[in-house]
Amino acid sequence: MTKEEWIAQLSEIEQQTLELEKMIQVKVAAERGRQLFQLHVKKERIQNRMKLVEEGARFLCGEPETPSFVGTFKPAAGSL
């Protein structure tokens, strides 16, 4: 193997390595984004459950006649 062939091969290996690094960075970023989204969804579910528990407790203890969250629901598509 001549010096020129060795340098060309080394350059090709370096290019492949850079491409692999970019692919890894993209996959890691996508995974982090997915995990953050899942955490956000879980947080919202927990908050909604806590609100329902609080409103249920208020309703059962006799404070309001109907839970206050009932007015915050959005009507379903196509409903009146």
Protein backbone atom coordinates (compact mmCIF):
# COMPACT_ATOMS: atom_id res chain seq x y z
CA MET A 1 0.00 0.00 0.00
CA THR A 2 1.41 3.33 -1.00
CA LYS A 3 1.29 6.45 1.11
CA GLU A 4 -1.39 8.01 -1.14
CA GLU A 5 -3.62 4.91 -0.87
CA TRP A 6 -3.17 4.88 2.89
CA ILE A 7 -4.12 8.57 3.16
CA ALA A 8 -7.15 8.04 0.92
CA GLN A 9 -8.31 5.08 3.02
CA LEU A 10 -7.73 7.05 6.21
CA SER A 11 -9.78 9.93 4.80
CA GLU A 12 -12.62 7.56 3.89
CA ILE A 13 -12.61 6.03 7.38
CA GLU A 14 -12.68 9.50 8.91
CA GLN A 15 -15.66 10.47 6.72
CA GLN A 16 -17.54 7.31 7.72
CA THR A 17 -16.80 8.02 11.37
CA LEU A 18 -18.19 11.56 11.07
CA GLU A 19 -21.35 10.22 9.41
CA LEU A 20 -21.81 7.67 12.18
CA GLU A 21 -21.36 10.37 14.84
CA LYS A 22 -24.04 12.49 13.17
CA MET A 23 -26.43 9.53 13.01
CA ILE A 24 -25.85 8.80 16.70
CA GLN A 25 -26.46 12.43 17.65
CA VAL A 26 -29.74 12.48 15.72
CA LYS A 27 -30.92 9.23 17.30
CA VAL A 28 -29.97 10.38 20.80
CA ALA A 29 -31.78 13.70 20.30
CA ALA A 30 -34.88 11.90 19.02
CA GLU A 31 -34.87 9.53 22.00
CA ARG A 32 -34.50 12.43 24.44
CA GLY A 33 -37.37 14.23 22.76
CA ARG A 34 -39.54 11.14 22.99
CA GLN A 35 -38.71 10.66 26.67
CA LEU A 36 -39.43 14.31 27.47
CA PHE A 37 -42.77 14.09 25.67
CA GLN A 38 -43.71 10.96 27.63
CA LEU A 39 -42.78 12.68 30.89
CA HIS A 40 -44.91 15.68 29.93
CA VAL A 41 -47.89 13.43 29.17
CA LYS A 42 -47.47 11.57 32.47
CA LYS A 43 -47.24 14.86 34.35
CA GLU A 44 -50.46 16.10 32.74
CA ARG A 45 -52.24 12.84 33.57
CA ILE A 46 -51.17 13.08 37.20
CA GLN A 47 -52.26 16.72 37.40
CA ASN A 48 -55.65 15.86 35.88
CA ARG A 49 -56.14 13.00 38.35
CA MET A 50 -55.23 15.29 41.24
CA LYS A 51 -57.77 17.88 40.05
CA LEU A 52 -60.46 15.22 39.77
CA VAL A 53 -59.69 13.96 43.28
CA GLU A 54 -59.79 17.48 44.70
CA GLU A 55 -63.05 18.31 42.94
CA GLY A 56 -64.56 14.98 43.97
CA ALA A 57 -63.64 15.67 47.58
CA ARG A 58 -65.23 19.11 47.40
CA PHE A 59 -68.33 17.67 45.78
CA LEU A 60 -68.69 14.87 48.35
CA CYS A 61 -68.12 17.24 51.25
CA GLY A 62 -71.09 19.30 50.09
CA GLU A 63 -69.42 22.57 49.14
CA PRO A 64 -70.70 22.98 45.55
CA GLU A 65 -73.70 21.22 44.09
CA THR A 66 -71.78 20.26 40.98
CA PRO A 67 -68.02 20.00 40.64
CA SER A 68 -66.50 23.20 39.26
CA PHE A 69 -64.49 21.31 36.66
CA VAL A 70 -67.68 20.30 34.82
CA GLY A 71 -67.89 23.78 33.28
CA THR A 72 -64.31 23.56 32.03
CA PHE A 73 -64.90 20.59 29.74
CA LYS A 74 -64.84 21.39 26.05
CA PRO A 75 -67.80 20.09 24.04
CA ALA A 76 -67.06 17.17 21.78
CA ALA A 77 -66.83 17.81 18.07
CA GLY A 78 -70.29 17.90 16.54
CA SER A 79 -72.10 18.35 19.85
CA LEU A 80 -74.39 21.27 20.58
